[in-house]
Every structure is written in structure tokens, then in C-alpha cells.
Amino acid sequence: MTMAQVVSPSIPPARPAPAAPLPMDEIAFAAWVAQAEPGAVLVYHRGFLVVDADNALVGISPEACRALRHLRAAAFRAAEQGLVHLVQQRLAADRFAYIAIARPRRQGAPASLASQLLDAQAA
């Protein structure tokens, strides 16, 4: 559903507030990847990820920015391990949906995403 906003011509429209991160964190993302069927889709962030992860630019708490950077890194590691495809969908100017698409499991790959991510981090 789209909401309309009535703006007086004498008052400039307010700048949109930065997108609040979804209640997704690194652990929830890893859990989704571990159980996702091939082709399953997860929107793990909406906004502008590189900007949203920098609290100096968007004014969110350092903890929220740190969590977002960890989520971004987990998504990238999962893509490097061949577990997901990462894609973006433009929603508006400077606003995107960041999407992970589960890939089929490789033959002989460990069943646990945690073990793959730990191996990648140790390397």
C-alpha cells in the first residue's frame, strides 16, 4: 500500500529518514542460509548498505552499524563459499533491496554454514 503525503508549497519536503535495518543479524542470516532450500530468497537489508553501515553518515548507533557491517560481511562470505547469490533490486533513488538467493549445495560440502564460515575466517 502506498501512502501519500500532502506538502504545503511553502514548506520544503522533509528529507527521508534513513532506512531502519531489518531485524536481521549475522546469526539469523547464517541460520537462514543453513536451512534454505535452493532458490529460496531472503531480503536481508533495505536501504543503501554502504551508507547505512556508517553511523557518521546516517546517525544510527555504533552498535547498529557494527551489526550491519557484520551482516554485510556474512552475506559476502556466504557468497564466496558458493552458498548464495547476492543481488540488488533498486527500490528508489539511493534505496535498494539486498537479496540473498540460496544456491544448491555442492557435493561433499559441509552441512553446516558455521563450519564453512569458520574455515573461511581462519584462512
N, C-alpha and C. Protein backbone atom coordinates (compact mmCIF):
# COMPACT_ATOMS: atom_id res chain seq x y z
N MET A 1 0.85 -1.17 0.00
CA MET A 1 0.00 0.00 0.00
C MET A 1 0.89 1.24 0.00
N THR A 2 0.58 2.20 -0.85
CA THR A 2 1.35 3.42 -0.93
C THR A 2 0.61 4.53 -0.21
N MET A 3 1.34 5.25 0.61
CA MET A 3 0.76 6.36 1.35
C MET A 3 1.15 7.65 0.65
N ALA A 4 0.25 8.59 0.61
CA ALA A 4 0.54 9.89 0.02
C ALA A 4 0.80 10.88 1.14
N GLN A 5 1.63 11.87 0.85
CA GLN A 5 1.93 12.90 1.83
C GLN A 5 1.59 14.23 1.21
N VAL A 6 0.78 15.01 1.90
CA VAL A 6 0.42 16.34 1.43
C VAL A 6 1.47 17.31 1.96
N VAL A 7 2.08 18.08 1.07
CA VAL A 7 3.13 19.01 1.46
C VAL A 7 2.71 20.40 1.03
N SER A 8 2.79 21.35 1.96
CA SER A 8 2.49 22.74 1.65
C SER A 8 3.57 23.28 0.73
N PRO A 9 3.22 24.06 -0.30
CA PRO A 9 4.24 24.58 -1.21
C PRO A 9 5.26 25.47 -0.51
N SER A 10 4.91 26.09 0.61
CA SER A 10 5.84 26.98 1.29
C SER A 10 6.83 26.23 2.18
N ILE A 11 6.57 24.96 2.47
CA ILE A 11 7.45 24.17 3.33
C ILE A 11 8.13 23.11 2.47
N PRO A 12 9.45 23.13 2.43
CA PRO A 12 10.11 22.10 1.62
C PRO A 12 9.87 20.72 2.22
N PRO A 13 9.78 19.71 1.36
CA PRO A 13 9.56 18.36 1.90
C PRO A 13 10.73 17.93 2.76
N ALA A 14 10.41 17.19 3.79
CA ALA A 14 11.45 16.69 4.70
C ALA A 14 12.29 15.64 4.00
N ARG A 15 13.55 15.64 4.33
CA ARG A 15 14.44 14.61 3.78
C ARG A 15 14.05 13.28 4.40
N PRO A 16 13.94 12.23 3.60
CA PRO A 16 13.53 10.94 4.18
C PRO A 16 14.54 10.46 5.22
N ALA A 17 14.01 9.86 6.26
CA ALA A 17 14.88 9.31 7.31
C ALA A 17 15.59 8.09 6.77
N PRO A 18 16.79 7.79 7.27
CA PRO A 18 17.48 6.59 6.81
C PRO A 18 16.67 5.36 7.15
N ALA A 19 16.79 4.38 6.29
CA ALA A 19 16.04 3.14 6.50
C ALA A 19 16.53 2.44 7.76
N ALA A 20 15.60 2.02 8.58
CA ALA A 20 15.96 1.24 9.76
C ALA A 20 16.31 -0.16 9.30
N PRO A 21 17.38 -0.72 9.83
CA PRO A 21 17.74 -2.07 9.43
C PRO A 21 16.65 -3.06 9.79
N LEU A 22 16.50 -4.07 8.95
CA LEU A 22 15.56 -5.14 9.26
C LEU A 22 16.05 -5.85 10.52
N PRO A 23 15.19 -6.55 11.22
CA PRO A 23 15.64 -7.28 12.40
C PRO A 23 16.43 -8.53 11.98
N MET A 24 17.43 -8.32 11.17
CA MET A 24 18.27 -9.41 10.68
C MET A 24 19.68 -9.14 11.19
N ASP A 25 20.31 -10.17 11.70
CA ASP A 25 21.70 -10.04 12.11
C ASP A 25 22.49 -11.18 11.50
N GLU A 26 23.76 -11.20 11.79
CA GLU A 26 24.67 -12.20 11.22
C GLU A 26 24.22 -13.62 11.56
N ILE A 27 23.80 -13.83 12.79
CA ILE A 27 23.40 -15.17 13.22
C ILE A 27 22.11 -15.61 12.52
N ALA A 28 21.14 -14.71 12.44
CA ALA A 28 19.89 -15.04 11.76
C ALA A 28 20.14 -15.32 10.27
N PHE A 29 21.04 -14.55 9.67
CA PHE A 29 21.38 -14.78 8.26
C PHE A 29 22.01 -16.17 8.09
N ALA A 30 22.97 -16.50 8.95
CA ALA A 30 23.63 -17.80 8.87
C ALA A 30 22.63 -18.94 9.07
N ALA A 31 21.70 -18.76 10.00
CA ALA A 31 20.68 -19.78 10.24
C ALA A 31 19.81 -19.97 9.01
N TRP A 32 19.44 -18.85 8.36
CA TRP A 32 18.63 -18.95 7.14
C TRP A 32 19.40 -19.70 6.06
N VAL A 33 20.67 -19.34 5.85
CA VAL A 33 21.47 -20.00 4.81
C VAL A 33 21.58 -21.49 5.09
N ALA A 34 21.76 -21.86 6.34
CA ALA A 34 21.94 -23.27 6.70
C ALA A 34 20.71 -24.11 6.39
N GLN A 35 19.53 -23.53 6.47
CA GLN A 35 18.31 -24.33 6.26
C GLN A 35 17.58 -24.02 4.96
N ALA A 36 18.05 -23.04 4.20
CA ALA A 36 17.33 -22.61 2.99
C ALA A 36 17.41 -23.65 1.88
N GLU A 37 16.29 -23.87 1.24
CA GLU A 37 16.24 -24.73 0.06
C GLU A 37 16.79 -23.96 -1.13
N PRO A 38 17.39 -24.65 -2.10
CA PRO A 38 17.88 -23.95 -3.29
C PRO A 38 16.78 -23.11 -3.94
N GLY A 39 17.12 -21.88 -4.25
CA GLY A 39 16.16 -20.95 -4.85
C GLY A 39 15.40 -20.10 -3.85
N ALA A 40 15.53 -20.40 -2.56
CA ALA A 40 14.85 -19.59 -1.55
C ALA A 40 15.46 -18.19 -1.56
N VAL A 41 14.63 -17.19 -1.27
CA VAL A 41 15.04 -15.79 -1.37
C VAL A 41 14.88 -15.12 -0.01
N LEU A 42 15.88 -14.32 0.37
CA LEU A 42 15.85 -13.55 1.61
C LEU A 42 16.27 -12.12 1.32
N VAL A 43 15.43 -11.17 1.68
CA VAL A 43 15.83 -9.76 1.63
C VAL A 43 16.44 -9.46 3.00
N TYR A 44 17.75 -9.29 3.03
CA TYR A 44 18.43 -9.13 4.31
C TYR A 44 18.67 -7.67 4.68
N HIS A 45 18.44 -6.75 3.76
CA HIS A 45 18.54 -5.32 4.09
C HIS A 45 17.81 -4.51 3.04
N ARG A 46 17.21 -3.42 3.47
CA ARG A 46 16.63 -2.43 2.56
C ARG A 46 17.24 -1.08 2.92
N GLY A 47 17.74 -0.40 1.91
CA GLY A 47 18.37 0.89 2.13
C GLY A 47 19.52 1.05 1.16
N PHE A 48 20.61 1.65 1.64
CA PHE A 48 21.84 1.81 0.86
C PHE A 48 22.96 1.30 1.76
N LEU A 49 23.29 0.04 1.60
CA LEU A 49 24.08 -0.70 2.57
C LEU A 49 25.40 -0.03 2.92
N VAL A 50 26.13 0.45 1.95
CA VAL A 50 27.43 1.05 2.24
C VAL A 50 27.28 2.32 3.09
N VAL A 51 26.21 3.06 2.87
CA VAL A 51 25.96 4.28 3.65
C VAL A 51 25.35 3.93 4.99
N ASP A 52 24.41 3.01 5.01
CA ASP A 52 23.72 2.64 6.25
C ASP A 52 24.68 2.04 7.28
N ALA A 53 25.77 1.43 6.83
CA ALA A 53 26.72 0.81 7.74
C ALA A 53 27.70 1.81 8.35
N ASP A 54 27.56 3.08 8.02
CA ASP A 54 28.45 4.13 8.55
C ASP A 54 27.62 5.09 9.38
N ASN A 55 27.69 4.96 10.72
CA ASN A 55 26.82 5.76 11.58
C ASN A 55 27.10 7.26 11.47
N ALA A 56 28.29 7.66 11.03
CA ALA A 56 28.57 9.09 10.87
C ALA A 56 27.71 9.69 9.77
N LEU A 57 27.31 8.87 8.79
CA LEU A 57 26.53 9.37 7.66
C LEU A 57 25.03 9.32 7.93
N VAL A 58 24.55 8.32 8.65
CA VAL A 58 23.11 8.15 8.82
C VAL A 58 22.61 8.38 10.23
N GLY A 59 23.52 8.53 11.19
CA GLY A 59 23.11 8.88 12.54
C GLY A 59 22.47 7.76 13.34
N ILE A 60 22.79 6.50 13.06
CA ILE A 60 22.29 5.43 13.91
C ILE A 60 23.39 5.02 14.88
N SER A 61 23.05 4.22 15.85
CA SER A 61 24.00 3.88 16.91
C SER A 61 25.19 3.11 16.35
N PRO A 62 26.34 3.26 17.00
CA PRO A 62 27.51 2.49 16.57
C PRO A 62 27.27 0.97 16.62
N GLU A 63 26.48 0.51 17.59
CA GLU A 63 26.18 -0.92 17.69
C GLU A 63 25.37 -1.39 16.49
N ALA A 64 24.39 -0.60 16.08
CA ALA A 64 23.57 -0.96 14.92
C ALA A 64 24.42 -0.98 13.65
N CYS A 65 25.33 -0.03 13.53
CA CYS A 65 26.22 -0.01 12.36
C CYS A 65 27.15 -1.21 12.36
N ARG A 66 27.67 -1.55 13.52
CA ARG A 66 28.57 -2.70 13.63
C ARG A 66 27.82 -3.98 13.26
N ALA A 67 26.59 -4.12 13.74
CA ALA A 67 25.78 -5.30 13.41
C ALA A 67 25.52 -5.36 11.90
N LEU A 68 25.27 -4.22 11.29
CA LEU A 68 25.02 -4.18 9.85
C LEU A 68 26.29 -4.54 9.07
N ARG A 69 27.44 -4.08 9.53
CA ARG A 69 28.70 -4.45 8.86
C ARG A 69 28.96 -5.95 8.99
N HIS A 70 28.63 -6.53 10.15
CA HIS A 70 28.79 -7.97 10.34
C HIS A 70 27.85 -8.75 9.42
N LEU A 71 26.62 -8.26 9.29
CA LEU A 71 25.66 -8.89 8.38
C LEU A 71 26.17 -8.83 6.95
N ARG A 72 26.64 -7.67 6.55
CA ARG A 72 27.18 -7.50 5.19
C ARG A 72 28.34 -8.46 4.95
N ALA A 73 29.23 -8.59 5.93
CA ALA A 73 30.37 -9.50 5.79
C ALA A 73 29.93 -10.96 5.72
N ALA A 74 28.93 -11.32 6.52
CA ALA A 74 28.43 -12.70 6.50
C ALA A 74 27.81 -13.03 5.14
N ALA A 75 27.08 -12.09 4.57
CA ALA A 75 26.49 -12.31 3.26
C ALA A 75 27.58 -12.49 2.21
N PHE A 76 28.61 -11.67 2.28
CA PHE A 76 29.70 -11.77 1.32
C PHE A 76 30.44 -13.10 1.47
N ARG A 77 30.70 -13.52 2.72
CA ARG A 77 31.38 -14.80 2.94
C ARG A 77 30.54 -15.96 2.42
N ALA A 78 29.23 -15.90 2.63
CA ALA A 78 28.35 -16.96 2.13
C ALA A 78 28.39 -17.01 0.61
N ALA A 79 28.46 -15.86 -0.03
CA ALA A 79 28.57 -15.83 -1.50
C ALA A 79 29.92 -16.38 -1.95
N GLU A 80 30.99 -16.02 -1.24
CA GLU A 80 32.31 -16.55 -1.58
C GLU A 80 32.38 -18.07 -1.44
N GLN A 81 31.64 -18.61 -0.49
CA GLN A 81 31.61 -20.06 -0.26
C GLN A 81 30.67 -20.77 -1.24
N GLY A 82 29.99 -20.02 -2.09
CA GLY A 82 29.09 -20.62 -3.07
C GLY A 82 27.75 -21.04 -2.50
N LEU A 83 27.38 -20.47 -1.35
CA LEU A 83 26.12 -20.85 -0.70
C LEU A 83 24.94 -20.02 -1.18
N VAL A 84 25.20 -18.78 -1.59
CA VAL A 84 24.13 -17.88 -2.03
C VAL A 84 24.61 -17.05 -3.22
N HIS A 85 23.65 -16.56 -3.97
CA HIS A 85 23.88 -15.49 -4.94
C HIS A 85 23.43 -14.21 -4.24
N LEU A 86 24.19 -13.13 -4.38
CA LEU A 86 23.78 -11.84 -3.84
C LEU A 86 23.38 -10.93 -4.98
N VAL A 87 22.19 -10.37 -4.88
CA VAL A 87 21.69 -9.45 -5.90
C VAL A 87 21.06 -8.25 -5.22
N GLN A 88 20.86 -7.20 -6.00
CA GLN A 88 20.20 -6.00 -5.51
C GLN A 88 19.04 -5.67 -6.42
N GLN A 89 18.01 -5.09 -5.84
CA GLN A 89 16.88 -4.57 -6.60
C GLN A 89 16.71 -3.12 -6.22
N ARG A 90 16.71 -2.24 -7.22
CA ARG A 90 16.52 -0.82 -6.94
C ARG A 90 15.06 -0.59 -6.54
N LEU A 91 14.88 0.06 -5.39
CA LEU A 91 13.55 0.40 -4.91
C LEU A 91 13.22 1.86 -5.20
N ALA A 92 14.22 2.71 -5.12
CA ALA A 92 14.09 4.15 -5.37
C ALA A 92 15.51 4.69 -5.51
N ALA A 93 15.61 6.00 -5.72
CA ALA A 93 16.95 6.59 -5.78
C ALA A 93 17.65 6.35 -4.44
N ASP A 94 18.85 5.81 -4.49
CA ASP A 94 19.65 5.53 -3.29
C ASP A 94 18.96 4.60 -2.31
N ARG A 95 18.12 3.71 -2.78
CA ARG A 95 17.45 2.73 -1.91
C ARG A 95 17.33 1.42 -2.68
N PHE A 96 17.83 0.37 -2.05
CA PHE A 96 17.88 -0.94 -2.69
C PHE A 96 17.39 -2.01 -1.73
N ALA A 97 16.95 -3.12 -2.30
CA ALA A 97 16.70 -4.33 -1.53
C ALA A 97 17.91 -5.23 -1.78
N TYR A 98 18.56 -5.66 -0.71
CA TYR A 98 19.72 -6.54 -0.81
C TYR A 98 19.20 -7.96 -0.58
N ILE A 99 19.39 -8.80 -1.58
CA ILE A 99 18.73 -10.11 -1.64
C ILE A 99 19.77 -11.22 -1.71
N ALA A 100 19.55 -12.26 -0.91
CA ALA A 100 20.35 -13.48 -0.98
C ALA A 100 19.46 -14.57 -1.56
N ILE A 101 19.97 -15.30 -2.53
CA ILE A 101 19.25 -16.42 -3.13
C ILE A 101 20.06 -17.68 -2.86
N ALA A 102 19.45 -18.64 -2.18
CA ALA A 102 20.16 -19.87 -1.81
C ALA A 102 20.52 -20.67 -3.05
N ARG A 103 21.75 -21.15 -3.08
CA ARG A 103 22.24 -21.98 -4.18
C ARG A 103 22.12 -23.45 -3.80
N PRO A 104 22.12 -24.33 -4.78
CA PRO A 104 22.15 -25.77 -4.45
C PRO A 104 23.42 -26.10 -3.71
N ARG A 105 23.34 -27.05 -2.80
CA ARG A 105 24.50 -27.48 -2.02
C ARG A 105 25.46 -28.26 -2.92
N ARG A 106 26.75 -28.00 -2.74
CA ARG A 106 27.77 -28.73 -3.50
C ARG A 106 27.93 -30.13 -2.93
N GLN A 107 28.30 -31.04 -3.79
CA GLN A 107 28.60 -32.41 -3.34
C GLN A 107 29.80 -32.36 -2.39
N GLY A 108 29.68 -33.00 -1.25
CA GLY A 108 30.79 -33.08 -0.30
C GLY A 108 30.99 -31.84 0.54
N ALA A 109 30.12 -30.83 0.39
CA ALA A 109 30.26 -29.61 1.19
C ALA A 109 29.78 -29.89 2.61
N PRO A 110 30.41 -29.27 3.60
CA PRO A 110 29.93 -29.46 4.98
C PRO A 110 28.48 -29.00 5.10
N ALA A 111 27.72 -29.70 5.91
CA ALA A 111 26.31 -29.37 6.07
C ALA A 111 26.13 -28.05 6.82
N SER A 112 27.09 -27.69 7.62
CA SER A 112 26.95 -26.52 8.49
C SER A 112 27.56 -25.28 7.87
N LEU A 113 26.78 -24.23 7.78
CA LEU A 113 27.31 -22.94 7.32
C LEU A 113 28.34 -22.45 8.32
N ALA A 114 28.11 -22.68 9.60
CA ALA A 114 29.04 -22.21 10.62
C ALA A 114 30.43 -22.77 10.36
N SER A 115 30.53 -24.05 10.02
CA SER A 115 31.85 -24.63 9.78
C SER A 115 32.49 -24.03 8.55
N GLN A 116 31.70 -23.73 7.52
CA GLN A 116 32.26 -23.11 6.31
C GLN A 116 32.73 -21.70 6.61
N LEU A 117 31.94 -20.92 7.35
CA LEU A 117 32.33 -19.57 7.67
C LEU A 117 33.55 -19.52 8.58
N LEU A 118 33.64 -20.46 9.53
CA LEU A 118 34.82 -20.53 10.39
C LEU A 118 36.06 -20.89 9.60
N ASP A 119 35.94 -21.83 8.66
CA ASP A 119 37.07 -22.21 7.82
C ASP A 119 37.52 -21.01 6.98
N ALA A 120 36.57 -20.27 6.43
CA ALA A 120 36.90 -19.13 5.59
C ALA A 120 37.56 -18.03 6.43
N GLN A 121 37.11 -17.84 7.65
CA GLN A 121 37.66 -16.82 8.51
C GLN A 121 39.08 -17.19 8.96
N ALA A 122 39.33 -18.48 9.16
CA ALA A 122 40.64 -18.93 9.59
C ALA A 122 41.67 -18.82 8.47
N ALA A 123 41.23 -18.88 7.24
CA ALA A 123 42.15 -18.82 6.09
C ALA A 123 42.70 -17.45 5.84
